[in-house]
mmCIF file of all heavy atoms, coordinates in Angstrom:
data_MODEL
# 
_entry.id   MODEL 
# 
loop_
_atom_site.group_PDB 
_atom_site.id 
_atom_site.type_symbol 
_atom_site.label_atom_id 
_atom_site.label_alt_id 
_atom_site.label_comp_id 
_atom_site.label_asym_id 
_atom_site.label_entity_id 
_atom_site.label_seq_id 
_atom_site.pdbx_PDB_ins_code 
_atom_site.Cartn_x 
_atom_site.Cartn_y 
_atom_site.Cartn_z 
_atom_site.occupancy 
_atom_site.B_iso_or_equiv 
_atom_site.pdbx_formal_charge 
_atom_site.auth_seq_id 
_atom_site.auth_comp_id 
_atom_site.auth_asym_id 
_atom_site.auth_atom_id 
_atom_site.pdbx_PDB_model_num 
ATOM 1   N N   . VAL A 1 1  ? 129.922 135.920 -25.499 1.00 0.00 ? 1  VAL A N   1 
ATOM 2   C CA  . VAL A 1 1  ? 129.998 134.579 -24.927 1.00 0.00 ? 1  VAL A CA  1 
ATOM 3   C C   . VAL A 1 1  ? 130.000 134.650 -23.413 1.00 0.00 ? 1  VAL A C   1 
ATOM 4   O O   . VAL A 1 1  ? 129.289 133.903 -22.729 1.00 0.00 ? 1  VAL A O   1 
ATOM 5   C CB  . VAL A 1 1  ? 131.257 133.844 -25.435 1.00 0.00 ? 1  VAL A CB  1 
ATOM 6   C CG1 . VAL A 1 1  ? 131.377 132.478 -24.763 1.00 0.00 ? 1  VAL A CG1 1 
ATOM 7   C CG2 . VAL A 1 1  ? 131.212 133.688 -26.944 1.00 0.00 ? 1  VAL A CG2 1 
ATOM 8   N N   . ARG A 1 2  ? 130.793 135.565 -22.874 1.00 0.00 ? 2  ARG A N   1 
ATOM 9   C CA  . ARG A 1 2  ? 130.844 135.736 -21.425 1.00 0.00 ? 2  ARG A CA  1 
ATOM 10  C C   . ARG A 1 2  ? 129.489 136.188 -20.874 1.00 0.00 ? 2  ARG A C   1 
ATOM 11  O O   . ARG A 1 2  ? 129.091 135.807 -19.779 1.00 0.00 ? 2  ARG A O   1 
ATOM 12  C CB  . ARG A 1 2  ? 131.934 136.736 -21.043 1.00 0.00 ? 2  ARG A CB  1 
ATOM 13  C CG  . ARG A 1 2  ? 133.331 136.139 -21.143 1.00 0.00 ? 2  ARG A CG  1 
ATOM 14  C CD  . ARG A 1 2  ? 134.410 137.086 -20.647 1.00 0.00 ? 2  ARG A CD  1 
ATOM 15  N NE  . ARG A 1 2  ? 134.744 138.091 -21.643 1.00 0.00 ? 2  ARG A NE  1 
ATOM 16  C CZ  . ARG A 1 2  ? 134.555 139.383 -21.499 1.00 0.00 ? 2  ARG A CZ  1 
ATOM 17  N NH1 . ARG A 1 2  ? 134.023 139.854 -20.393 1.00 0.00 ? 2  ARG A NH1 1 
ATOM 18  N NH2 . ARG A 1 2  ? 134.896 140.229 -22.462 1.00 0.00 ? 2  ARG A NH2 1 
ATOM 19  N N   . TYR A 1 3  ? 128.770 136.974 -21.675 1.00 0.00 ? 3  TYR A N   1 
ATOM 20  C CA  . TYR A 1 3  ? 127.438 137.441 -21.266 1.00 0.00 ? 3  TYR A CA  1 
ATOM 21  C C   . TYR A 1 3  ? 126.492 136.248 -21.068 1.00 0.00 ? 3  TYR A C   1 
ATOM 22  O O   . TYR A 1 3  ? 125.798 136.146 -20.044 1.00 0.00 ? 3  TYR A O   1 
ATOM 23  C CB  . TYR A 1 3  ? 126.883 138.393 -22.328 1.00 0.00 ? 3  TYR A CB  1 
ATOM 24  C CG  . TYR A 1 3  ? 125.421 138.747 -22.119 1.00 0.00 ? 3  TYR A CG  1 
ATOM 25  C CD1 . TYR A 1 3  ? 125.040 139.716 -21.199 1.00 0.00 ? 3  TYR A CD1 1 
ATOM 26  C CD2 . TYR A 1 3  ? 124.434 138.101 -22.860 1.00 0.00 ? 3  TYR A CD2 1 
ATOM 27  C CE1 . TYR A 1 3  ? 123.702 140.037 -21.010 1.00 0.00 ? 3  TYR A CE1 1 
ATOM 28  C CE2 . TYR A 1 3  ? 123.094 138.410 -22.685 1.00 0.00 ? 3  TYR A CE2 1 
ATOM 29  C CZ  . TYR A 1 3  ? 122.737 139.379 -21.749 1.00 0.00 ? 3  TYR A CZ  1 
ATOM 30  O OH  . TYR A 1 3  ? 121.414 139.684 -21.564 1.00 0.00 ? 3  TYR A OH  1 
ATOM 31  N N   . TYR A 1 4  ? 126.474 135.346 -22.032 1.00 0.00 ? 4  TYR A N   1 
ATOM 32  C CA  . TYR A 1 4  ? 125.584 134.192 -21.916 1.00 0.00 ? 4  TYR A CA  1 
ATOM 33  C C   . TYR A 1 4  ? 126.056 133.234 -20.814 1.00 0.00 ? 4  TYR A C   1 
ATOM 34  O O   . TYR A 1 4  ? 125.252 132.626 -20.113 1.00 0.00 ? 4  TYR A O   1 
ATOM 35  C CB  . TYR A 1 4  ? 125.506 133.449 -23.259 1.00 0.00 ? 4  TYR A CB  1 
ATOM 36  C CG  . TYR A 1 4  ? 124.524 134.077 -24.226 1.00 0.00 ? 4  TYR A CG  1 
ATOM 37  C CD1 . TYR A 1 4  ? 124.964 134.647 -25.422 1.00 0.00 ? 4  TYR A CD1 1 
ATOM 38  C CD2 . TYR A 1 4  ? 123.161 134.093 -23.941 1.00 0.00 ? 4  TYR A CD2 1 
ATOM 39  C CE1 . TYR A 1 4  ? 124.066 135.225 -26.317 1.00 0.00 ? 4  TYR A CE1 1 
ATOM 40  C CE2 . TYR A 1 4  ? 122.245 134.657 -24.832 1.00 0.00 ? 4  TYR A CE2 1 
ATOM 41  C CZ  . TYR A 1 4  ? 122.714 135.220 -26.007 1.00 0.00 ? 4  TYR A CZ  1 
ATOM 42  O OH  . TYR A 1 4  ? 121.818 135.800 -26.886 1.00 0.00 ? 4  TYR A OH  1 
ATOM 43  N N   . TYR A 1 5  ? 127.367 133.104 -20.684 1.00 0.00 ? 5  TYR A N   1 
ATOM 44  C CA  . TYR A 1 5  ? 127.908 132.238 -19.629 1.00 0.00 ? 5  TYR A CA  1 
ATOM 45  C C   . TYR A 1 5  ? 127.497 132.751 -18.245 1.00 0.00 ? 5  TYR A C   1 
ATOM 46  O O   . TYR A 1 5  ? 127.005 131.981 -17.404 1.00 0.00 ? 5  TYR A O   1 
ATOM 47  C CB  . TYR A 1 5  ? 129.426 132.167 -19.747 1.00 0.00 ? 5  TYR A CB  1 
ATOM 48  C CG  . TYR A 1 5  ? 130.101 131.469 -18.575 1.00 0.00 ? 5  TYR A CG  1 
ATOM 49  C CD1 . TYR A 1 5  ? 129.968 130.098 -18.386 1.00 0.00 ? 5  TYR A CD1 1 
ATOM 50  C CD2 . TYR A 1 5  ? 130.854 132.194 -17.651 1.00 0.00 ? 5  TYR A CD2 1 
ATOM 51  C CE1 . TYR A 1 5  ? 130.579 129.463 -17.320 1.00 0.00 ? 5  TYR A CE1 1 
ATOM 52  C CE2 . TYR A 1 5  ? 131.464 131.565 -16.575 1.00 0.00 ? 5  TYR A CE2 1 
ATOM 53  C CZ  . TYR A 1 5  ? 131.321 130.207 -16.415 1.00 0.00 ? 5  TYR A CZ  1 
ATOM 54  O OH  . TYR A 1 5  ? 131.920 129.584 -15.350 1.00 0.00 ? 5  TYR A OH  1 
ATOM 55  N N   . GLN A 1 6  ? 127.687 134.046 -18.025 1.00 0.00 ? 6  GLN A N   1 
ATOM 56  C CA  . GLN A 1 6  ? 127.282 134.626 -16.739 1.00 0.00 ? 6  GLN A CA  1 
ATOM 57  C C   . GLN A 1 6  ? 125.782 134.523 -16.535 1.00 0.00 ? 6  GLN A C   1 
ATOM 58  O O   . GLN A 1 6  ? 125.309 134.293 -15.418 1.00 0.00 ? 6  GLN A O   1 
ATOM 59  C CB  . GLN A 1 6  ? 127.722 136.098 -16.671 1.00 0.00 ? 6  GLN A CB  1 
ATOM 60  C CG  . GLN A 1 6  ? 129.223 136.306 -16.615 1.00 0.00 ? 6  GLN A CG  1 
ATOM 61  C CD  . GLN A 1 6  ? 129.833 135.763 -15.341 1.00 0.00 ? 6  GLN A CD  1 
ATOM 62  O OE1 . GLN A 1 6  ? 129.191 135.687 -14.304 1.00 0.00 ? 6  GLN A OE1 1 
ATOM 63  N NE2 . GLN A 1 6  ? 131.108 135.364 -15.424 1.00 0.00 ? 6  GLN A NE2 1 
ATOM 64  N N   . GLY A 1 7  ? 125.025 134.655 -17.619 1.00 0.00 ? 7  GLY A N   1 
ATOM 65  C CA  . GLY A 1 7  ? 123.571 134.487 -17.529 1.00 0.00 ? 7  GLY A CA  1 
ATOM 66  C C   . GLY A 1 7  ? 123.194 133.080 -17.110 1.00 0.00 ? 7  GLY A C   1 
ATOM 67  O O   . GLY A 1 7  ? 122.262 132.878 -16.315 1.00 0.00 ? 7  GLY A O   1 
ATOM 68  N N   . GLY A 1 8  ? 123.931 132.077 -17.647 1.00 0.00 ? 8  GLY A N   1 
ATOM 69  C CA  . GLY A 1 8  ? 123.680 130.699 -17.260 1.00 0.00 ? 8  GLY A CA  1 
ATOM 70  C C   . GLY A 1 8  ? 123.981 130.453 -15.794 1.00 0.00 ? 8  GLY A C   1 
ATOM 71  O O   . GLY A 1 8  ? 123.204 129.798 -15.080 1.00 0.00 ? 8  GLY A O   1 
ATOM 72  N N   . LEU A 1 9  ? 125.109 131.007 -15.327 1.00 0.00 ? 9  LEU A N   1 
ATOM 73  C CA  . LEU A 1 9  ? 125.464 130.866 -13.911 1.00 0.00 ? 9  LEU A CA  1 
ATOM 74  C C   . LEU A 1 9  ? 124.423 131.515 -13.017 1.00 0.00 ? 9  LEU A C   1 
ATOM 75  O O   . LEU A 1 9  ? 124.004 130.945 -11.997 1.00 0.00 ? 9  LEU A O   1 
ATOM 76  C CB  . LEU A 1 9  ? 126.833 131.502 -13.653 1.00 0.00 ? 9  LEU A CB  1 
ATOM 77  C CG  . LEU A 1 9  ? 128.070 130.790 -14.201 1.00 0.00 ? 9  LEU A CG  1 
ATOM 78  C CD1 . LEU A 1 9  ? 129.318 131.609 -13.879 1.00 0.00 ? 9  LEU A CD1 1 
ATOM 79  C CD2 . LEU A 1 9  ? 128.193 129.392 -13.626 1.00 0.00 ? 9  LEU A CD2 1 
ATOM 80  N N   . GLN A 1 10 ? 123.996 132.716 -13.396 1.00 0.00 ? 10 GLN A N   1 
ATOM 81  C CA  . GLN A 1 10 ? 123.009 133.440 -12.596 1.00 0.00 ? 10 GLN A CA  1 
ATOM 82  C C   . GLN A 1 10 ? 121.686 132.679 -12.531 1.00 0.00 ? 10 GLN A C   1 
ATOM 83  O O   . GLN A 1 10 ? 121.059 132.576 -11.478 1.00 0.00 ? 10 GLN A O   1 
ATOM 84  C CB  . GLN A 1 10 ? 122.787 134.836 -13.191 1.00 0.00 ? 10 GLN A CB  1 
ATOM 85  C CG  . GLN A 1 10 ? 121.867 135.742 -12.378 1.00 0.00 ? 10 GLN A CG  1 
ATOM 86  C CD  . GLN A 1 10 ? 122.494 136.167 -11.062 1.00 0.00 ? 10 GLN A CD  1 
ATOM 87  O OE1 . GLN A 1 10 ? 123.698 136.396 -11.004 1.00 0.00 ? 10 GLN A OE1 1 
ATOM 88  N NE2 . GLN A 1 10 ? 121.692 136.259 -10.020 1.00 0.00 ? 10 GLN A NE2 1 
ATOM 89  N N   . ALA A 1 11 ? 121.281 132.137 -13.680 1.00 0.00 ? 11 ALA A N   1 
ATOM 90  C CA  . ALA A 1 11 ? 120.020 131.375 -13.716 1.00 0.00 ? 11 ALA A CA  1 
ATOM 91  C C   . ALA A 1 11 ? 120.101 130.140 -12.837 1.00 0.00 ? 11 ALA A C   1 
ATOM 92  O O   . ALA A 1 11 ? 119.134 129.786 -12.152 1.00 0.00 ? 11 ALA A O   1 
ATOM 93  C CB  . ALA A 1 11 ? 119.692 130.985 -15.154 1.00 0.00 ? 11 ALA A CB  1 
ATOM 94  N N   . MET A 1 12 ? 121.233 129.459 -12.837 1.00 0.00 ? 12 MET A N   1 
ATOM 95  C CA  . MET A 1 12 ? 121.394 128.283 -11.980 1.00 0.00 ? 12 MET A CA  1 
ATOM 96  C C   . MET A 1 12 ? 121.317 128.679 -10.516 1.00 0.00 ? 12 MET A C   1 
ATOM 97  O O   . MET A 1 12 ? 120.697 127.976 -9.700  1.00 0.00 ? 12 MET A O   1 
ATOM 98  C CB  . MET A 1 12 ? 122.722 127.597 -12.272 1.00 0.00 ? 12 MET A CB  1 
ATOM 99  C CG  . MET A 1 12 ? 122.762 126.859 -13.598 1.00 0.00 ? 12 MET A CG  1 
ATOM 100 S SD  . MET A 1 12 ? 121.700 125.397 -13.638 1.00 0.00 ? 12 MET A SD  1 
ATOM 101 C CE  . MET A 1 12 ? 122.695 124.245 -12.689 1.00 0.00 ? 12 MET A CE  1 
ATOM 102 N N   . GLU A 1 13 ? 121.938 129.806 -10.183 1.00 0.00 ? 13 GLU A N   1 
ATOM 103 C CA  . GLU A 1 13 ? 121.904 130.267 -8.793  1.00 0.00 ? 13 GLU A CA  1 
ATOM 104 C C   . GLU A 1 13 ? 120.495 130.645 -8.375  1.00 0.00 ? 13 GLU A C   1 
ATOM 105 O O   . GLU A 1 13 ? 120.114 130.491 -7.216  1.00 0.00 ? 13 GLU A O   1 
ATOM 106 C CB  . GLU A 1 13 ? 122.845 131.464 -8.640  1.00 0.00 ? 13 GLU A CB  1 
ATOM 107 C CG  . GLU A 1 13 ? 123.216 131.744 -7.186  1.00 0.00 ? 13 GLU A CG  1 
ATOM 108 C CD  . GLU A 1 13 ? 124.450 132.611 -7.085  1.00 0.00 ? 13 GLU A CD  1 
ATOM 109 O OE1 . GLU A 1 13 ? 125.551 132.134 -7.397  1.00 0.00 ? 13 GLU A OE1 1 
ATOM 110 O OE2 . GLU A 1 13 ? 124.292 133.777 -6.671  1.00 0.00 ? 13 GLU A OE2 1 
ATOM 111 N N   . GLU A 1 14 ? 119.702 131.127 -9.328  1.00 0.00 ? 14 GLU A N   1 
ATOM 112 C CA  . GLU A 1 14 ? 118.319 131.536 -9.042  1.00 0.00 ? 14 GLU A CA  1 
ATOM 113 C C   . GLU A 1 14 ? 117.324 130.392 -9.237  1.00 0.00 ? 14 GLU A C   1 
ATOM 114 O O   . GLU A 1 14 ? 116.114 130.607 -9.254  1.00 0.00 ? 14 GLU A O   1 
ATOM 115 C CB  . GLU A 1 14 ? 117.940 132.712 -9.936  1.00 0.00 ? 14 GLU A CB  1 
ATOM 116 C CG  . GLU A 1 14 ? 118.743 133.987 -9.642  1.00 0.00 ? 14 GLU A CG  1 
ATOM 117 C CD  . GLU A 1 14 ? 118.461 135.114 -10.623 1.00 0.00 ? 14 GLU A CD  1 
ATOM 118 O OE1 . GLU A 1 14 ? 117.722 134.856 -11.617 1.00 0.00 ? 14 GLU A OE1 1 
ATOM 119 O OE2 . GLU A 1 14 ? 118.985 136.215 -10.410 1.00 0.00 ? 14 GLU A OE2 1 
ATOM 120 N N   . LYS A 1 15 ? 117.832 129.183 -9.408  1.00 0.00 ? 15 LYS A N   1 
ATOM 121 C CA  . LYS A 1 15 ? 116.984 127.976 -9.561  1.00 0.00 ? 15 LYS A CA  1 
ATOM 122 C C   . LYS A 1 15 ? 116.066 128.079 -10.779 1.00 0.00 ? 15 LYS A C   1 
ATOM 123 O O   . LYS A 1 15 ? 114.890 127.721 -10.735 1.00 0.00 ? 15 LYS A O   1 
ATOM 124 C CB  . LYS A 1 15 ? 116.136 127.741 -8.299  1.00 0.00 ? 15 LYS A CB  1 
ATOM 125 C CG  . LYS A 1 15 ? 116.907 127.771 -6.992  1.00 0.00 ? 15 LYS A CG  1 
ATOM 126 C CD  . LYS A 1 15 ? 117.922 126.670 -6.895  1.00 0.00 ? 15 LYS A CD  1 
ATOM 127 C CE  . LYS A 1 15 ? 118.608 126.653 -5.539  1.00 0.00 ? 15 LYS A CE  1 
ATOM 128 N NZ  . LYS A 1 15 ? 119.681 125.632 -5.460  1.00 0.00 ? 15 LYS A NZ  1 
ATOM 129 N N   . ASP A 1 16 ? 116.623 128.590 -11.885 1.00 0.00 ? 16 ASP A N   1 
ATOM 130 C CA  . ASP A 1 16 ? 115.876 128.707 -13.136 1.00 0.00 ? 16 ASP A CA  1 
ATOM 131 C C   . ASP A 1 16 ? 116.605 127.904 -14.219 1.00 0.00 ? 16 ASP A C   1 
ATOM 132 O O   . ASP A 1 16 ? 117.291 128.472 -15.082 1.00 0.00 ? 16 ASP A O   1 
ATOM 133 C CB  . ASP A 1 16 ? 115.764 130.183 -13.540 1.00 0.00 ? 16 ASP A CB  1 
ATOM 134 C CG  . ASP A 1 16 ? 114.858 130.396 -14.757 1.00 0.00 ? 16 ASP A CG  1 
ATOM 135 O OD1 . ASP A 1 16 ? 114.404 129.386 -15.344 1.00 0.00 ? 16 ASP A OD1 1 
ATOM 136 O OD2 . ASP A 1 16 ? 114.644 131.560 -15.133 1.00 0.00 ? 16 ASP A OD2 1 
ATOM 137 N N   . PRO A 1 17 ? 116.497 126.570 -14.192 1.00 0.00 ? 17 PRO A N   1 
ATOM 138 C CA  . PRO A 1 17 ? 117.272 125.739 -15.123 1.00 0.00 ? 17 PRO A CA  1 
ATOM 139 C C   . PRO A 1 17 ? 116.928 125.963 -16.585 1.00 0.00 ? 17 PRO A C   1 
ATOM 140 O O   . PRO A 1 17 ? 117.790 125.830 -17.455 1.00 0.00 ? 17 PRO A O   1 
ATOM 141 C CB  . PRO A 1 17 ? 116.950 124.316 -14.671 1.00 0.00 ? 17 PRO A CB  1 
ATOM 142 C CG  . PRO A 1 17 ? 115.644 124.415 -13.952 1.00 0.00 ? 17 PRO A CG  1 
ATOM 143 C CD  . PRO A 1 17 ? 115.664 125.764 -13.298 1.00 0.00 ? 17 PRO A CD  1 
ATOM 144 N N   . GLU A 1 18 ? 115.668 126.304 -16.899 1.00 0.00 ? 18 GLU A N   1 
ATOM 145 C CA  . GLU A 1 18 ? 115.304 126.526 -18.298 1.00 0.00 ? 18 GLU A CA  1 
ATOM 146 C C   . GLU A 1 18 ? 116.061 127.713 -18.876 1.00 0.00 ? 18 GLU A C   1 
ATOM 147 O O   . GLU A 1 18 ? 116.564 127.658 -20.012 1.00 0.00 ? 18 GLU A O   1 
ATOM 148 C CB  . GLU A 1 18 ? 113.797 126.750 -18.415 1.00 0.00 ? 18 GLU A CB  1 
ATOM 149 C CG  . GLU A 1 18 ? 112.974 125.489 -18.185 1.00 0.00 ? 18 GLU A CG  1 
ATOM 150 C CD  . GLU A 1 18 ? 111.517 125.683 -18.535 1.00 0.00 ? 18 GLU A CD  1 
ATOM 151 O OE1 . GLU A 1 18 ? 111.175 126.748 -19.106 1.00 0.00 ? 18 GLU A OE1 1 
ATOM 152 O OE2 . GLU A 1 18 ? 110.721 124.778 -18.246 1.00 0.00 ? 18 GLU A OE2 1 
ATOM 153 N N   . GLU A 1 19 ? 116.176 128.806 -18.124 1.00 0.00 ? 19 GLU A N   1 
ATOM 154 C CA  . GLU A 1 19 ? 116.937 129.957 -18.584 1.00 0.00 ? 19 GLU A CA  1 
ATOM 155 C C   . GLU A 1 19 ? 118.416 129.616 -18.671 1.00 0.00 ? 19 GLU A C   1 
ATOM 156 O O   . GLU A 1 19 ? 119.119 130.039 -19.606 1.00 0.00 ? 19 GLU A O   1 
ATOM 157 C CB  . GLU A 1 19 ? 116.728 131.144 -17.635 1.00 0.00 ? 19 GLU A CB  1 
ATOM 158 C CG  . GLU A 1 19 ? 117.523 132.393 -17.971 1.00 0.00 ? 19 GLU A CG  1 
ATOM 159 C CD  . GLU A 1 19 ? 117.173 132.986 -19.321 1.00 0.00 ? 19 GLU A CD  1 
ATOM 160 O OE1 . GLU A 1 19 ? 116.089 132.670 -19.867 1.00 0.00 ? 19 GLU A OE1 1 
ATOM 161 O OE2 . GLU A 1 19 ? 117.998 133.774 -19.846 1.00 0.00 ? 19 GLU A OE2 1 
ATOM 162 N N   . ALA A 1 20 ? 118.911 128.829 -17.710 1.00 0.00 ? 20 ALA A N   1 
ATOM 163 C CA  . ALA A 1 20 ? 120.315 128.405 -17.746 1.00 0.00 ? 20 ALA A CA  1 
ATOM 164 C C   . ALA A 1 20 ? 120.593 127.593 -19.000 1.00 0.00 ? 20 ALA A C   1 
ATOM 165 O O   . ALA A 1 20 ? 121.622 127.786 -19.668 1.00 0.00 ? 20 ALA A O   1 
ATOM 166 C CB  . ALA A 1 20 ? 120.644 127.594 -16.496 1.00 0.00 ? 20 ALA A CB  1 
ATOM 167 N N   . ILE A 1 21 ? 119.695 126.681 -19.333 1.00 0.00 ? 21 ILE A N   1 
ATOM 168 C CA  . ILE A 1 21 ? 119.864 125.857 -20.529 1.00 0.00 ? 21 ILE A CA  1 
ATOM 169 C C   . ILE A 1 21 ? 119.930 126.735 -21.783 1.00 0.00 ? 21 ILE A C   1 
ATOM 170 O O   . ILE A 1 21 ? 120.791 126.561 -22.654 1.00 0.00 ? 21 ILE A O   1 
ATOM 171 C CB  . ILE A 1 21 ? 118.726 124.825 -20.641 1.00 0.00 ? 21 ILE A CB  1 
ATOM 172 C CG1 . ILE A 1 21 ? 118.875 123.763 -19.551 1.00 0.00 ? 21 ILE A CG1 1 
ATOM 173 C CG2 . ILE A 1 21 ? 118.702 124.172 -22.021 1.00 0.00 ? 21 ILE A CG2 1 
ATOM 174 C CD1 . ILE A 1 21 ? 117.665 122.857 -19.400 1.00 0.00 ? 21 ILE A CD1 1 
ATOM 175 N N   . HIS A 1 22 ? 119.035 127.710 -21.861 1.00 0.00 ? 22 HIS A N   1 
ATOM 176 C CA  . HIS A 1 22 ? 119.014 128.623 -23.017 1.00 0.00 ? 22 HIS A CA  1 
ATOM 177 C C   . HIS A 1 22 ? 120.343 129.348 -23.154 1.00 0.00 ? 22 HIS A C   1 
ATOM 178 O O   . HIS A 1 22 ? 120.941 129.383 -24.248 1.00 0.00 ? 22 HIS A O   1 
ATOM 179 C CB  . HIS A 1 22 ? 117.879 129.631 -22.859 1.00 0.00 ? 22 HIS A CB  1 
ATOM 180 C CG  . HIS A 1 22 ? 117.983 130.808 -23.787 1.00 0.00 ? 22 HIS A CG  1 
ATOM 181 N ND1 . HIS A 1 22 ? 117.773 130.691 -25.149 1.00 0.00 ? 22 HIS A ND1 1 
ATOM 182 C CD2 . HIS A 1 22 ? 118.322 132.116 -23.551 1.00 0.00 ? 22 HIS A CD2 1 
ATOM 183 C CE1 . HIS A 1 22 ? 117.958 131.881 -25.712 1.00 0.00 ? 22 HIS A CE1 1 
ATOM 184 N NE2 . HIS A 1 22 ? 118.283 132.762 -24.769 1.00 0.00 ? 22 HIS A NE2 1 
ATOM 185 N N   . CYS A 1 23 ? 120.842 129.912 -22.053 1.00 0.00 ? 23 CYS A N   1 
ATOM 186 C CA  . CYS A 1 23 ? 122.077 130.686 -22.104 1.00 0.00 ? 23 CYS A CA  1 
ATOM 187 C C   . CYS A 1 23 ? 123.280 129.814 -22.461 1.00 0.00 ? 23 CYS A C   1 
ATOM 188 O O   . CYS A 1 23 ? 124.113 130.177 -23.305 1.00 0.00 ? 23 CYS A O   1 
ATOM 189 C CB  . CYS A 1 23 ? 122.318 131.365 -20.762 1.00 0.00 ? 23 CYS A CB  1 
ATOM 190 S SG  . CYS A 1 23 ? 121.165 132.698 -20.370 1.00 0.00 ? 23 CYS A SG  1 
ATOM 191 N N   . LEU A 1 24 ? 123.371 128.659 -21.842 1.00 0.00 ? 24 LEU A N   1 
ATOM 192 C CA  . LEU A 1 24 ? 124.539 127.798 -22.047 1.00 0.00 ? 24 LEU A CA  1 
ATOM 193 C C   . LEU A 1 24 ? 124.537 127.175 -23.439 1.00 0.00 ? 24 LEU A C   1 
ATOM 194 O O   . LEU A 1 24 ? 125.608 126.972 -24.045 1.00 0.00 ? 24 LEU A O   1 
ATOM 195 C CB  . LEU A 1 24 ? 124.580 126.716 -20.976 1.00 0.00 ? 24 LEU A CB  1 
ATOM 196 C CG  . LEU A 1 24 ? 124.769 127.257 -19.548 1.00 0.00 ? 24 LEU A CG  1 
ATOM 197 C CD1 . LEU A 1 24 ? 124.567 126.148 -18.519 1.00 0.00 ? 24 LEU A CD1 1 
ATOM 198 C CD2 . LEU A 1 24 ? 126.144 127.886 -19.385 1.00 0.00 ? 24 LEU A CD2 1 
ATOM 199 N N   . GLU A 1 25 ? 123.358 126.890 -23.981 1.00 0.00 ? 25 GLU A N   1 
ATOM 200 C CA  . GLU A 1 25 ? 123.293 126.371 -25.343 1.00 0.00 ? 25 GLU A CA  1 
ATOM 201 C C   . GLU A 1 25 ? 123.759 127.422 -26.353 1.00 0.00 ? 25 GLU A C   1 
ATOM 202 O O   . GLU A 1 25 ? 124.355 127.087 -27.383 1.00 0.00 ? 25 GLU A O   1 
ATOM 203 C CB  . GLU A 1 25 ? 121.876 125.898 -25.672 1.00 0.00 ? 25 GLU A CB  1 
ATOM 204 C CG  . GLU A 1 25 ? 121.521 124.568 -24.998 1.00 0.00 ? 25 GLU A CG  1 
ATOM 205 C CD  . GLU A 1 25 ? 120.120 124.101 -25.309 1.00 0.00 ? 25 GLU A CD  1 
ATOM 206 O OE1 . GLU A 1 25 ? 119.294 124.932 -25.743 1.00 0.00 ? 25 GLU A OE1 1 
ATOM 207 O OE2 . GLU A 1 25 ? 119.830 122.897 -25.104 1.00 0.00 ? 25 GLU A OE2 1 
ATOM 208 N N   . GLU A 1 26 ? 123.494 128.702 -26.050 1.00 0.00 ? 26 GLU A N   1 
ATOM 209 C CA  . GLU A 1 26 ? 123.991 129.778 -26.909 1.00 0.00 ? 26 GLU A CA  1 
ATOM 210 C C   . GLU A 1 26 ? 125.518 129.810 -26.909 1.00 0.00 ? 26 GLU A C   1 
ATOM 211 O O   . GLU A 1 26 ? 126.151 130.018 -27.947 1.00 0.00 ? 26 GLU A O   1 
ATOM 212 C CB  . GLU A 1 26 ? 123.427 131.122 -26.441 1.00 0.00 ? 26 GLU A CB  1 
ATOM 213 C CG  . GLU A 1 26 ? 121.947 131.313 -26.695 1.00 0.00 ? 26 GLU A CG  1 
ATOM 214 C CD  . GLU A 1 26 ? 121.618 131.305 -28.177 1.00 0.00 ? 26 GLU A CD  1 
ATOM 215 O OE1 . GLU A 1 26 ? 122.364 131.935 -28.961 1.00 0.00 ? 26 GLU A OE1 1 
ATOM 216 O OE2 . GLU A 1 26 ? 120.617 130.647 -28.559 1.00 0.00 ? 26 GLU A OE2 1 
ATOM 217 N N   . VAL A 1 27 ? 126.119 129.610 -25.730 1.00 0.00 ? 27 VAL A N   1 
ATOM 218 C CA  . VAL A 1 27 ? 127.584 129.575 -25.648 1.00 0.00 ? 27 VAL A CA  1 
ATOM 219 C C   . VAL A 1 27 ? 128.136 128.418 -26.472 1.00 0.00 ? 27 VAL A C   1 
ATOM 220 O O   . VAL A 1 27 ? 129.106 128.573 -27.231 1.00 0.00 ? 27 VAL A O   1 
ATOM 221 C CB  . VAL A 1 27 ? 128.048 129.447 -24.187 1.00 0.00 ? 27 VAL A CB  1 
ATOM 222 C CG1 . VAL A 1 27 ? 129.565 129.306 -24.117 1.00 0.00 ? 27 VAL A CG1 1 
ATOM 223 C CG2 . VAL A 1 27 ? 127.590 130.648 -23.363 1.00 0.00 ? 27 VAL A CG2 1 
ATOM 224 N N   . LEU A 1 28 ? 127.509 127.256 -26.361 1.00 0.00 ? 28 LEU A N   1 
ATOM 225 C CA  . LEU A 1 28 ? 128.028 126.058 -27.021 1.00 0.00 ? 28 LEU A CA  1 
ATOM 226 C C   . LEU A 1 28 ? 127.830 126.089 -28.533 1.00 0.00 ? 28 LEU A C   1 
ATOM 227 O O   . LEU A 1 28 ? 128.473 125.317 -29.261 1.00 0.00 ? 28 LEU A O   1 
ATOM 228 C CB  . LEU A 1 28 ? 127.376 124.812 -26.416 1.00 0.00 ? 28 LEU A CB  1 
ATOM 229 C CG  . LEU A 1 28 ? 127.826 124.513 -24.984 1.00 0.00 ? 28 LEU A CG  1 
ATOM 230 C CD1 . LEU A 1 28 ? 126.997 123.389 -24.379 1.00 0.00 ? 28 LEU A CD1 1 
ATOM 231 C CD2 . LEU A 1 28 ? 129.310 124.153 -24.956 1.00 0.00 ? 28 LEU A CD2 1 
# 
């Protein structure tokens, strides 16, 4: 869970919302 959460944060920081959405939906 922490892996996907950190991936979502990283994607947001890198301006990649599609990857962020994928990671955060996995957490949820």
